[in-house]
Amino acid sequence: MKKTHLYLISLAALLLATACHRNDIRTETFQIEQLRNAESVQLIAKALQPLQGVNKITPDFENHELTIVFNGRVLYVKNIESAIAQAGFSLPNWPANPADIAKLPEELR
C-alpha cells in the first residue's frame, strides 16, 4: 500500500513538473490601418521591445495586418494591444490616444 502511494505521488510530481515548463506559443493577427510601410513596423517593434515573449513580427501591408508570434505564458494579447496603441497606432477595439498619433510621422497618421 505504501509503495502504491509513493508511486502515485512521484507520478503526480513528475507530471506537474513537466507541465509548468512548457511554452505556450501563440500567433495573433492585429488589424492596423496605419500599417503602411517598413517604418510603421519599426515603430511598433520598438514599442514591443520592452515586452518579454515576442518571438516574431510579420507585416502584411496589403491587408494592413501585423501577425505577432509570442509566448502566451509570459505575455498577454492586451499587453501587445496596449503597446501598439501607445505607439500611436489604432486597433479596431483600442483607438490610440490623439497625442500619441500626433507623434507619428505625417504619412502614418
PDB file of N, CA and C in Angstrom:
ATOM      1  N   MET A   1       0.820  -1.195   0.000  1.00  0.00           N
ATOM      2  CA  MET A   1       0.000   0.000   0.000  1.00  0.00           C
ATOM      3  C   MET A   1       0.868   1.265   0.000  1.00  0.00           C
ATOM      4  N   LYS A   2       1.900   1.278   0.857  1.00  0.00           N
ATOM      5  CA  LYS A   2       2.782   2.448   0.918  1.00  0.00           C
ATOM      6  C   LYS A   2       3.523   2.633  -0.399  1.00  0.00           C
ATOM      7  N   LYS A   3       3.866   1.528  -1.039  1.00  0.00           N
ATOM      8  CA  LYS A   3       4.570   1.600  -2.304  1.00  0.00           C
ATOM      9  C   LYS A   3       3.687   2.235  -3.386  1.00  0.00           C
ATOM     10  N   THR A   4       2.413   1.906  -3.367  1.00  0.00           N
ATOM     11  CA  THR A   4       1.471   2.464  -4.334  1.00  0.00           C
ATOM     12  C   THR A   4       1.317   3.964  -4.134  1.00  0.00           C
ATOM     13  N   HIS A   5       1.195   4.397  -2.900  1.00  0.00           N
ATOM     14  CA  HIS A   5       1.085   5.827  -2.605  1.00  0.00           C
ATOM     15  C   HIS A   5       2.333   6.572  -3.036  1.00  0.00           C
ATOM     16  N   LEU A   6       3.476   6.003  -2.744  1.00  0.00           N
ATOM     17  CA  LEU A   6       4.739   6.627  -3.134  1.00  0.00           C
ATOM     18  C   LEU A   6       4.827   6.741  -4.656  1.00  0.00           C
ATOM     19  N   TYR A   7       4.404   5.692  -5.353  1.00  0.00           N
ATOM     20  CA  TYR A   7       4.410   5.702  -6.813  1.00  0.00           C
ATOM     21  C   TYR A   7       3.482   6.791  -7.358  1.00  0.00           C
ATOM     22  N   LEU A   8       2.273   6.891  -6.803  1.00  0.00           N
ATOM     23  CA  LEU A   8       1.303   7.891  -7.266  1.00  0.00           C
ATOM     24  C   LEU A   8       1.786   9.320  -6.992  1.00  0.00           C
ATOM     25  N   ILE A   9       2.375   9.540  -5.847  1.00  0.00           N
ATOM     26  CA  ILE A   9       2.898  10.859  -5.506  1.00  0.00           C
ATOM     27  C   ILE A   9       4.048  11.228  -6.444  1.00  0.00           C
ATOM     28  N   SER A  10       4.928  10.274  -6.711  1.00  0.00           N
ATOM     29  CA  SER A  10       6.053  10.520  -7.621  1.00  0.00           C
ATOM     30  C   SER A  10       5.555  10.823  -9.029  1.00  0.00           C
ATOM     31  N   LEU A  11       4.560  10.067  -9.485  1.00  0.00           N
ATOM     32  CA  LEU A  11       3.999  10.286 -10.814  1.00  0.00           C
ATOM     33  C   LEU A  11       3.333  11.662 -10.908  1.00  0.00           C
ATOM     34  N   ALA A  12       2.575  12.038  -9.886  1.00  0.00           N
ATOM     35  CA  ALA A  12       1.919  13.344  -9.879  1.00  0.00           C
ATOM     36  C   ALA A  12       2.953  14.467  -9.888  1.00  0.00           C
ATOM     37  N   ALA A  13       4.013  14.337  -9.111  1.00  0.00           N
ATOM     38  CA  ALA A  13       5.068  15.360  -9.080  1.00  0.00           C
ATOM     39  C   ALA A  13       5.753  15.476 -10.433  1.00  0.00           C
ATOM     40  N   LEU A  14       5.988  14.359 -11.068  1.00  0.00           N
ATOM     41  CA  LEU A  14       6.632  14.366 -12.378  1.00  0.00           C
ATOM     42  C   LEU A  14       5.747  15.045 -13.420  1.00  0.00           C
ATOM     43  N   LEU A  15       4.458  14.723 -13.412  1.00  0.00           N
ATOM     44  CA  LEU A  15       3.540  15.345 -14.370  1.00  0.00           C
ATOM     45  C   LEU A  15       3.401  16.843 -14.134  1.00  0.00           C
ATOM     46  N   LEU A  16       3.335  17.249 -12.891  1.00  0.00           N
ATOM     47  CA  LEU A  16       3.228  18.674 -12.587  1.00  0.00           C
ATOM     48  C   LEU A  16       4.492  19.435 -12.972  1.00  0.00           C
ATOM     49  N   ALA A  17       5.634  18.832 -12.746  1.00  0.00           N
ATOM     50  CA  ALA A  17       6.902  19.499 -13.057  1.00  0.00           C
ATOM     51  C   ALA A  17       7.058  19.728 -14.551  1.00  0.00           C
ATOM     52  N   THR A  18       6.646  18.771 -15.362  1.00  0.00           N
ATOM     53  CA  THR A  18       6.799  18.947 -16.806  1.00  0.00           C
ATOM     54  C   THR A  18       5.758  19.908 -17.362  1.00  0.00           C
ATOM     55  N   ALA A  19       4.594  19.977 -16.773  1.00  0.00           N
ATOM     56  CA  ALA A  19       3.542  20.856 -17.274  1.00  0.00           C
ATOM     57  C   ALA A  19       3.870  22.324 -17.038  1.00  0.00           C
ATOM     58  N   CYS A  20       4.591  22.629 -16.012  1.00  0.00           N
ATOM     59  CA  CYS A  20       4.888  24.017 -15.652  1.00  0.00           C
ATOM     60  C   CYS A  20       5.913  24.669 -16.580  1.00  0.00           C
ATOM     61  N   HIS A  21       6.686  23.892 -17.293  1.00  0.00           N
ATOM     62  CA  HIS A  21       7.781  24.459 -18.067  1.00  0.00           C
ATOM     63  C   HIS A  21       7.519  24.506 -19.561  1.00  0.00           C
ATOM     64  N   ARG A  22       6.327  24.165 -19.974  1.00  0.00           N
ATOM     65  CA  ARG A  22       6.011  24.221 -21.396  1.00  0.00           C
ATOM     66  C   ARG A  22       5.746  25.656 -21.824  1.00  0.00           C
ATOM     67  N   ASN A  23       6.186  25.964 -23.022  1.00  0.00           N
ATOM     68  CA  ASN A  23       5.878  27.268 -23.601  1.00  0.00           C
ATOM     69  C   ASN A  23       4.486  27.214 -24.210  1.00  0.00           C
ATOM     70  N   ASP A  24       3.857  28.334 -24.285  1.00  0.00           N
ATOM     71  CA  ASP A  24       2.537  28.459 -24.901  1.00  0.00           C
ATOM     72  C   ASP A  24       2.696  29.449 -26.048  1.00  0.00           C
ATOM     73  N   ILE A  25       3.219  28.968 -27.166  1.00  0.00           N
ATOM     74  CA  ILE A  25       3.489  29.839 -28.305  1.00  0.00           C
ATOM     75  C   ILE A  25       2.171  30.114 -29.032  1.00  0.00           C
ATOM     76  N   ARG A  26       1.852  31.386 -29.143  1.00  0.00           N
ATOM     77  CA  ARG A  26       0.600  31.813 -29.775  1.00  0.00           C
ATOM     78  C   ARG A  26       0.894  32.722 -30.959  1.00  0.00           C
ATOM     79  N   THR A  27      -0.057  32.769 -31.864  1.00  0.00           N
ATOM     80  CA  THR A  27       0.029  33.660 -33.024  1.00  0.00           C
ATOM     81  C   THR A  27      -1.244  34.492 -33.052  1.00  0.00           C
ATOM     82  N   GLU A  28      -1.085  35.784 -33.106  1.00  0.00           N
ATOM     83  CA  GLU A  28      -2.224  36.719 -33.125  1.00  0.00           C
ATOM     84  C   GLU A  28      -2.014  37.701 -34.274  1.00  0.00           C
ATOM     85  N   THR A  29      -3.077  37.984 -34.987  1.00  0.00           N
ATOM     86  CA  THR A  29      -3.024  38.946 -36.088  1.00  0.00           C
ATOM     87  C   THR A  29      -3.823  40.181 -35.693  1.00  0.00           C
ATOM     88  N   PHE A  30      -3.210  41.340 -35.857  1.00  0.00           N
ATOM     89  CA  PHE A  30      -3.817  42.606 -35.473  1.00  0.00           C
ATOM     90  C   PHE A  30      -4.091  43.443 -36.719  1.00  0.00           C
ATOM     91  N   GLN A  31      -5.291  43.979 -36.806  1.00  0.00           N
ATOM     92  CA  GLN A  31      -5.681  44.857 -37.903  1.00  0.00           C
ATOM     93  C   GLN A  31      -5.267  46.279 -37.529  1.00  0.00           C
ATOM     94  N   ILE A  32      -4.344  46.868 -38.307  1.00  0.00           N
ATOM     95  CA  ILE A  32      -3.823  48.205 -38.031  1.00  0.00           C
ATOM     96  C   ILE A  32      -3.864  48.993 -39.340  1.00  0.00           C
ATOM     97  N   GLU A  33      -4.815  49.890 -39.467  1.00  0.00           N
ATOM     98  CA  GLU A  33      -4.978  50.649 -40.712  1.00  0.00           C
ATOM     99  C   GLU A  33      -3.751  51.494 -41.043  1.00  0.00           C
ATOM    100  N   GLN A  34      -3.020  51.940 -40.032  1.00  0.00           N
ATOM    101  CA  GLN A  34      -1.845  52.793 -40.263  1.00  0.00           C
ATOM    102  C   GLN A  34      -0.604  51.985 -40.666  1.00  0.00           C
ATOM    103  N   LEU A  35      -0.722  50.678 -40.745  1.00  0.00           N
ATOM    104  CA  LEU A  35       0.403  49.827 -41.127  1.00  0.00           C
ATOM    105  C   LEU A  35       0.578  49.914 -42.641  1.00  0.00           C
ATOM    106  N   ARG A  36       1.507  50.780 -43.059  1.00  0.00           N
ATOM    107  CA  ARG A  36       1.639  51.064 -44.489  1.00  0.00           C
ATOM    108  C   ARG A  36       3.030  50.804 -45.051  1.00  0.00           C
ATOM    109  N   ASN A  37       4.051  50.824 -44.189  1.00  0.00           N
ATOM    110  CA  ASN A  37       5.420  50.674 -44.690  1.00  0.00           C
ATOM    111  C   ASN A  37       6.326  50.117 -43.597  1.00  0.00           C
ATOM    112  N   ALA A  38       7.591  49.930 -43.952  1.00  0.00           N
ATOM    113  CA  ALA A  38       8.558  49.366 -43.011  1.00  0.00           C
ATOM    114  C   ALA A  38       8.763  50.261 -41.796  1.00  0.00           C
ATOM    115  N   GLU A  39       8.628  51.556 -41.977  1.00  0.00           N
ATOM    116  CA  GLU A  39       8.790  52.476 -40.851  1.00  0.00           C
ATOM    117  C   GLU A  39       7.732  52.225 -39.773  1.00  0.00           C
ATOM    118  N   SER A  40       6.507  51.950 -40.198  1.00  0.00           N
ATOM    119  CA  SER A  40       5.449  51.667 -39.218  1.00  0.00           C
ATOM    120  C   SER A  40       5.758  50.387 -38.442  1.00  0.00           C
ATOM    121  N   VAL A  41       6.299  49.389 -39.118  1.00  0.00           N
ATOM    122  CA  VAL A  41       6.665  48.139 -38.439  1.00  0.00           C
ATOM    123  C   VAL A  41       7.795  48.393 -37.450  1.00  0.00           C
ATOM    124  N   GLN A  42       8.760  49.214 -37.837  1.00  0.00           N
ATOM    125  CA  GLN A  42       9.874  49.532 -36.937  1.00  0.00           C
ATOM    126  C   GLN A  42       9.385  50.251 -35.683  1.00  0.00           C
ATOM    127  N   LEU A  43       8.446  51.169 -35.840  1.00  0.00           N
ATOM    128  CA  LEU A  43       7.916  51.889 -34.683  1.00  0.00           C
ATOM    129  C   LEU A  43       7.161  50.947 -33.737  1.00  0.00           C
ATOM    130  N   ILE A  44       6.391  50.031 -34.308  1.00  0.00           N
ATOM    131  CA  ILE A  44       5.674  49.065 -33.475  1.00  0.00           C
ATOM    132  C   ILE A  44       6.654  48.106 -32.814  1.00  0.00           C
ATOM    133  N   ALA A  45       7.647  47.645 -33.560  1.00  0.00           N
ATOM    134  CA  ALA A  45       8.657  46.740 -32.997  1.00  0.00           C
ATOM    135  C   ALA A  45       9.394  47.404 -31.833  1.00  0.00           C
ATOM    136  N   LYS A  46       9.678  48.687 -31.970  1.00  0.00           N
ATOM    137  CA  LYS A  46      10.339  49.431 -30.894  1.00  0.00           C
ATOM    138  C   LYS A  46       9.442  49.496 -29.656  1.00  0.00           C
ATOM    139  N   ALA A  47       8.131  49.670 -29.871  1.00  0.00           N
ATOM    140  CA  ALA A  47       7.183  49.717 -28.747  1.00  0.00           C
ATOM    141  C   ALA A  47       7.044  48.353 -28.070  1.00  0.00           C
ATOM    142  N   LEU A  48       7.202  47.278 -28.850  1.00  0.00           N
ATOM    143  CA  LEU A  48       7.074  45.926 -28.297  1.00  0.00           C
ATOM    144  C   LEU A  48       8.370  45.423 -27.662  1.00  0.00           C
ATOM    145  N   GLN A  49       9.476  46.091 -27.952  1.00  0.00           N
ATOM    146  CA  GLN A  49      10.789  45.647 -27.484  1.00  0.00           C
ATOM    147  C   GLN A  49      10.867  45.434 -25.966  1.00  0.00           C
ATOM    148  N   PRO A  50      10.294  46.294 -25.129  1.00  0.00           N
ATOM    149  CA  PRO A  50      10.386  46.068 -23.680  1.00  0.00           C
ATOM    150  C   PRO A  50       9.585  44.849 -23.194  1.00  0.00           C
ATOM    151  N   LEU A  51       8.664  44.369 -24.008  1.00  0.00           N
ATOM    152  CA  LEU A  51       7.832  43.241 -23.603  1.00  0.00           C
ATOM    153  C   LEU A  51       8.578  41.930 -23.834  1.00  0.00           C
ATOM    154  N   GLN A  52       8.646  41.111 -22.817  1.00  0.00           N
ATOM    155  CA  GLN A  52       9.277  39.800 -22.956  1.00  0.00           C
ATOM    156  C   GLN A  52       8.290  38.829 -23.580  1.00  0.00           C
ATOM    157  N   GLY A  53       8.768  37.962 -24.458  1.00  0.00           N
ATOM    158  CA  GLY A  53       7.932  36.918 -25.011  1.00  0.00           C
ATOM    159  C   GLY A  53       7.587  37.079 -26.477  1.00  0.00           C
ATOM    160  N   VAL A  54       7.912  38.225 -27.087  1.00  0.00           N
ATOM    161  CA  VAL A  54       7.642  38.406 -28.515  1.00  0.00           C
ATOM    162  C   VAL A  54       8.720  37.654 -29.293  1.00  0.00           C
ATOM    163  N   ASN A  55       8.289  36.737 -30.167  1.00  0.00           N
ATOM    164  CA  ASN A  55       9.238  35.924 -30.933  1.00  0.00           C
ATOM    165  C   ASN A  55       9.404  36.396 -32.373  1.00  0.00           C
ATOM    166  N   LYS A  56       8.304  36.839 -32.990  1.00  0.00           N
ATOM    167  CA  LYS A  56       8.365  37.189 -34.412  1.00  0.00           C
ATOM    168  C   LYS A  56       7.249  38.178 -34.751  1.00  0.00           C
ATOM    169  N   ILE A  57       7.570  39.112 -35.647  1.00  0.00           N
ATOM    170  CA  ILE A  57       6.602  40.093 -36.135  1.00  0.00           C
ATOM    171  C   ILE A  57       6.610  40.011 -37.657  1.00  0.00           C
ATOM    172  N   THR A  58       5.418  39.800 -38.240  1.00  0.00           N
ATOM    173  CA  THR A  58       5.308  39.690 -39.694  1.00  0.00           C
ATOM    174  C   THR A  58       4.243  40.660 -40.206  1.00  0.00           C
ATOM    175  N   PRO A  59       4.637  41.646 -41.007  1.00  0.00           N
ATOM    176  CA  PRO A  59       3.645  42.599 -41.533  1.00  0.00           C
ATOM    177  C   PRO A  59       3.024  42.111 -42.836  1.00  0.00           C
ATOM    178  N   ASP A  60       1.796  42.525 -43.065  1.00  0.00           N
ATOM    179  CA  ASP A  60       1.102  42.341 -44.342  1.00  0.00           C
ATOM    180  C   ASP A  60       0.552  43.719 -44.702  1.00  0.00           C
ATOM    181  N   PHE A  61       1.332  44.453 -45.500  1.00  0.00           N
ATOM    182  CA  PHE A  61       0.977  45.834 -45.820  1.00  0.00           C
ATOM    183  C   PHE A  61      -0.287  45.928 -46.671  1.00  0.00           C
ATOM    184  N   GLU A  62      -0.496  44.956 -47.535  1.00  0.00           N
ATOM    185  CA  GLU A  62      -1.661  44.986 -48.420  1.00  0.00           C
ATOM    186  C   GLU A  62      -2.974  44.930 -47.634  1.00  0.00           C
ATOM    187  N   ASN A  63      -3.002  44.106 -46.575  1.00  0.00           N
ATOM    188  CA  ASN A  63      -4.216  43.956 -45.762  1.00  0.00           C
ATOM    189  C   ASN A  63      -4.167  44.754 -44.461  1.00  0.00           C
ATOM    190  N   HIS A  64      -3.090  45.503 -44.257  1.00  0.00           N
ATOM    191  CA  HIS A  64      -2.902  46.300 -43.042  1.00  0.00           C
ATOM    192  C   HIS A  64      -2.997  45.423 -41.794  1.00  0.00           C
ATOM    193  N   GLU A  65      -2.276  44.302 -41.818  1.00  0.00           N
ATOM    194  CA  GLU A  65      -2.282  43.360 -40.691  1.00  0.00           C
ATOM    195  C   GLU A  65      -0.867  43.105 -40.203  1.00  0.00           C
ATOM    196  N   LEU A  66      -0.760  42.907 -38.903  1.00  0.00           N
ATOM    197  CA  LEU A  66       0.518  42.580 -38.287  1.00  0.00           C
ATOM    198  C   LEU A  66       0.324  41.298 -37.495  1.00  0.00           C
ATOM    199  N   THR A  67       1.069  40.264 -37.852  1.00  0.00           N
ATOM    200  CA  THR A  67       0.989  38.991 -37.158  1.00  0.00           C
ATOM    201  C   THR A  67       2.155  38.907 -36.189  1.00  0.00           C
ATOM    202  N   ILE A  68       1.836  38.591 -34.943  1.00  0.00           N
ATOM    203  CA  ILE A  68       2.856  38.517 -33.894  1.00  0.00           C
ATOM    204  C   ILE A  68       2.813  37.127 -33.281  1.00  0.00           C
ATOM    205  N   VAL A  69       3.980  36.499 -33.212  1.00  0.00           N
ATOM    206  CA  VAL A  69       4.134  35.207 -32.549  1.00  0.00           C
ATOM    207  C   VAL A  69       4.771  35.494 -31.198  1.00  0.00           C
ATOM    208  N   PHE A  70       4.146  35.001 -30.122  1.00  0.00           N
ATOM    209  CA  PHE A  70       4.626  35.317 -28.781  1.00  0.00           C
ATOM    210  C   PHE A  70       4.371  34.157 -27.822  1.00  0.00           C
ATOM    211  N   ASN A  71       5.041  34.204 -26.682  1.00  0.00           N
ATOM    212  CA  ASN A  71       4.877  33.200 -25.637  1.00  0.00           C
ATOM    213  C   ASN A  71       3.727  33.635 -24.734  1.00  0.00           C
ATOM    214  N   GLY A  72       2.634  32.903 -24.787  1.00  0.00           N
ATOM    215  CA  GLY A  72       1.445  33.242 -24.020  1.00  0.00           C
ATOM    216  C   GLY A  72       1.573  33.034 -22.523  1.00  0.00           C
ATOM    217  N   ARG A  73       2.626  32.364 -22.075  1.00  0.00           N
ATOM    218  CA  ARG A  73       2.850  32.199 -20.636  1.00  0.00           C
ATOM    219  C   ARG A  73       3.560  33.418 -20.053  1.00  0.00           C
ATOM    220  N   VAL A  74       4.119  34.248 -20.916  1.00  0.00           N
ATOM    221  CA  VAL A  74       4.870  35.418 -20.477  1.00  0.00           C
ATOM    222  C   VAL A  74       4.147  36.722 -20.825  1.00  0.00           C
ATOM    223  N   LEU A  75       3.398  36.705 -21.906  1.00  0.00           N
ATOM    224  CA  LEU A  75       2.823  37.927 -22.468  1.00  0.00           C
ATOM    225  C   LEU A  75       1.363  37.689 -22.841  1.00  0.00           C
ATOM    226  N   TYR A  76       0.537  38.694 -22.647  1.00  0.00           N
ATOM    227  CA  TYR A  76      -0.885  38.600 -22.967  1.00  0.00           C
ATOM    228  C   TYR A  76      -1.214  39.504 -24.151  1.00  0.00           C
ATOM    229  N   VAL A  77      -2.296  39.177 -24.847  1.00  0.00           N
ATOM    230  CA  VAL A  77      -2.727  39.954 -26.009  1.00  0.00           C
ATOM    231  C   VAL A  77      -2.975  41.412 -25.617  1.00  0.00           C
ATOM    232  N   LYS A  78      -3.572  41.638 -24.461  1.00  0.00           N
ATOM    233  CA  LYS A  78      -3.859  43.013 -24.015  1.00  0.00           C
ATOM    234  C   LYS A  78      -2.581  43.833 -23.852  1.00  0.00           C
ATOM    235  N   ASN A  79      -1.481  43.193 -23.413  1.00  0.00           N
ATOM    236  CA  ASN A  79      -0.209  43.902 -23.296  1.00  0.00           C
ATOM    237  C   ASN A  79       0.286  44.348 -24.675  1.00  0.00           C
ATOM    238  N   ILE A  80       0.130  43.474 -25.649  1.00  0.00           N
ATOM    239  CA  ILE A  80       0.546  43.800 -27.015  1.00  0.00           C
ATOM    240  C   ILE A  80      -0.314  44.929 -27.573  1.00  0.00           C
ATOM    241  N   GLU A  81      -1.636  44.809 -27.398  1.00  0.00           N
ATOM    242  CA  GLU A  81      -2.546  45.850 -27.880  1.00  0.00           C
ATOM    243  C   GLU A  81      -2.236  47.200 -27.240  1.00  0.00           C
ATOM    244  N   SER A  82      -1.946  47.190 -25.965  1.00  0.00           N
ATOM    245  CA  SER A  82      -1.628  48.431 -25.260  1.00  0.00           C
ATOM    246  C   SER A  82      -0.356  49.065 -25.823  1.00  0.00           C
ATOM    247  N   ALA A  83       0.668  48.250 -26.050  1.00  0.00           N
ATOM    248  CA  ALA A  83       1.929  48.779 -26.583  1.00  0.00           C
ATOM    249  C   ALA A  83       1.735  49.356 -27.984  1.00  0.00           C
ATOM    250  N   ILE A  84       0.923  48.686 -28.800  1.00  0.00           N
ATOM    251  CA  ILE A  84       0.659  49.178 -30.156  1.00  0.00           C
ATOM    252  C   ILE A  84      -0.082  50.519 -30.096  1.00  0.00           C
ATOM    253  N   ALA A  85      -1.103  50.600 -29.242  1.00  0.00           N
ATOM    254  CA  ALA A  85      -1.875  51.843 -29.110  1.00  0.00           C
ATOM    255  C   ALA A  85      -1.016  52.980 -28.555  1.00  0.00           C
ATOM    256  N   GLN A  86      -0.142  52.675 -27.599  1.00  0.00           N
ATOM    257  CA  GLN A  86       0.725  53.709 -27.027  1.00  0.00           C
ATOM    258  C   GLN A  86       1.764  54.195 -28.027  1.00  0.00           C
ATOM    259  N   ALA A  87       2.039  53.377 -29.047  1.00  0.00           N
ATOM    260  CA  ALA A  87       2.959  53.802 -30.110  1.00  0.00           C
ATOM    261  C   ALA A  87       2.262  54.720 -31.111  1.00  0.00           C
ATOM    262  N   GLY A  88       0.923  54.883 -30.969  1.00  0.00           N
ATOM    263  CA  GLY A  88       0.180  55.786 -31.834  1.00  0.00           C
ATOM    264  C   GLY A  88      -0.630  55.099 -32.921  1.00  0.00           C
ATOM    265  N   PHE A  89      -0.689  53.773 -32.887  1.00  0.00           N
ATOM    266  CA  PHE A  89      -1.406  53.018 -33.907  1.00  0.00           C
ATOM    267  C   PHE A  89      -2.729  52.521 -33.337  1.00  0.00           C
ATOM    268  N   SER A  90      -3.815  52.810 -34.047  1.00  0.00           N
ATOM    269  CA  SER A  90      -5.142  52.427 -33.577  1.00  0.00           C
ATOM    270  C   SER A  90      -5.498  51.004 -33.999  1.00  0.00           C
ATOM    271  N   LEU A  91      -6.146  50.305 -33.086  1.00  0.00           N
ATOM    272  CA  LEU A  91      -6.690  48.973 -33.349  1.00  0.00           C
ATOM    273  C   LEU A  91      -8.206  49.100 -33.404  1.00  0.00           C
ATOM    274  N   PRO A  92      -8.899  48.151 -34.020  1.00  0.00           N
ATOM    275  CA  PRO A  92     -10.357  48.268 -34.124  1.00  0.00           C
ATOM    276  C   PRO A  92     -11.058  48.490 -32.779  1.00  0.00           C
ATOM    277  N   ASN A  93     -10.622  47.825 -31.729  1.00  0.00           N
ATOM    278  CA  ASN A  93     -11.263  47.956 -30.421  1.00  0.00           C
ATOM    279  C   ASN A  93     -10.433  48.732 -29.406  1.00  0.00           C
ATOM    280  N   TRP A  94      -9.357  49.342 -29.872  1.00  0.00           N
ATOM    281  CA  TRP A  94      -8.483  50.083 -28.961  1.00  0.00           C
ATOM    282  C   TRP A  94      -7.878  51.259 -29.714  1.00  0.00           C
ATOM    283  N   PRO A  95      -8.584  52.395 -29.784  1.00  0.00           N
ATOM    284  CA  PRO A  95      -8.046  53.552 -30.507  1.00  0.00           C
ATOM    285  C   PRO A  95      -6.846  54.158 -29.765  1.00  0.00           C
ATOM    286  N   ALA A  96      -5.914  54.635 -30.537  1.00  0.00           N
ATOM    287  CA  ALA A  96      -4.743  55.281 -29.954  1.00  0.00           C
ATOM    288  C   ALA A  96      -5.121  56.665 -29.454  1.00  0.00           C
ATOM    289  N   ASN A  97      -4.395  57.131 -28.476  1.00  0.00           N
ATOM    290  CA  ASN A  97      -4.578  58.469 -27.932  1.00  0.00           C
ATOM    291  C   ASN A  97      -4.167  59.484 -29.009  1.00  0.00           C
ATOM    292  N   PRO A  98      -4.960  60.534 -29.223  1.00  0.00           N
ATOM    293  CA  PRO A  98      -4.598  61.544 -30.237  1.00  0.00           C
ATOM    294  C   PRO A  98      -3.203  62.131 -30.037  1.00  0.00           C
ATOM    295  N   ALA A  99      -2.757  62.274 -28.810  1.00  0.00           N
ATOM    296  CA  ALA A  99      -1.410  62.798 -28.555  1.00  0.00           C
ATOM    297  C   ALA A  99      -0.341  61.822 -29.060  1.00  0.00           C
ATOM    298  N   ASP A 100      -0.609  60.519 -28.924  1.00  0.00           N
ATOM    299  CA  ASP A 100       0.342  59.511 -29.423  1.00  0.00           C
ATOM    300  C   ASP A 100       0.331  59.465 -30.950  1.00  0.00           C
ATOM    301  N   ILE A 101      -0.846  59.634 -31.544  1.00  0.00           N
ATOM    302  CA  ILE A 101      -0.955  59.654 -33.003  1.00  0.00           C
ATOM    303  C   ILE A 101      -0.187  60.854 -33.567  1.00  0.00           C
ATOM    304  N   ALA A 102      -0.258  61.987 -32.886  1.00  0.00           N
ATOM    305  CA  ALA A 102       0.421  63.197 -33.344  1.00  0.00           C
ATOM    306  C   ALA A 102       1.942  63.034 -33.387  1.00  0.00           C
ATOM    307  N   LYS A 103       2.482  62.094 -32.607  1.00  0.00           N
ATOM    308  CA  LYS A 103       3.936  61.856 -32.588  1.00  0.00           C
ATOM    309  C   LYS A 103       4.407  61.059 -33.798  1.00  0.00           C
ATOM    310  N   LEU A 104       3.468  60.427 -34.507  1.00  0.00           N
ATOM    311  CA  LEU A 104       3.834  59.627 -35.675  1.00  0.00           C
ATOM    312  C   LEU A 104       4.228  60.513 -36.845  1.00  0.00           C
ATOM    313  N   PRO A 105       5.030  59.990 -37.749  1.00  0.00           N
ATOM    314  CA  PRO A 105       5.324  60.749 -38.982  1.00  0.00           C
ATOM    315  C   PRO A 105       4.025  61.025 -39.748  1.00  0.00           C
ATOM    316  N   GLU A 106       4.007  62.094 -40.489  1.00  0.00           N
ATOM    317  CA  GLU A 106       2.802  62.558 -41.185  1.00  0.00           C
ATOM    318  C   GLU A 106       2.142  61.460 -42.025  1.00  0.00           C
ATOM    319  N   GLU A 107       2.938  60.661 -42.738  1.00  0.00           N
ATOM    320  CA  GLU A 107       2.374  59.649 -43.633  1.00  0.00           C
ATOM    321  C   GLU A 107       1.730  58.463 -42.901  1.00  0.00           C
ATOM    322  N   LEU A 108       1.924  58.385 -41.595  1.00  0.00           N
ATOM    323  CA  LEU A 108       1.337  57.271 -40.825  1.00  0.00           C
ATOM    324  C   LEU A 108       0.140  57.693 -39.985  1.00  0.00           C
ATOM    325  N   ARG A 109      -0.205  58.946 -40.001  1.00  0.00           N
ATOM    326  CA  ARG A 109      -1.333  59.418 -39.195  1.00  0.00           C
ATOM    327  C   ARG A 109      -2.667  59.084 -39.809  1.00  0.00           C
TER     328      ARG A 109
END
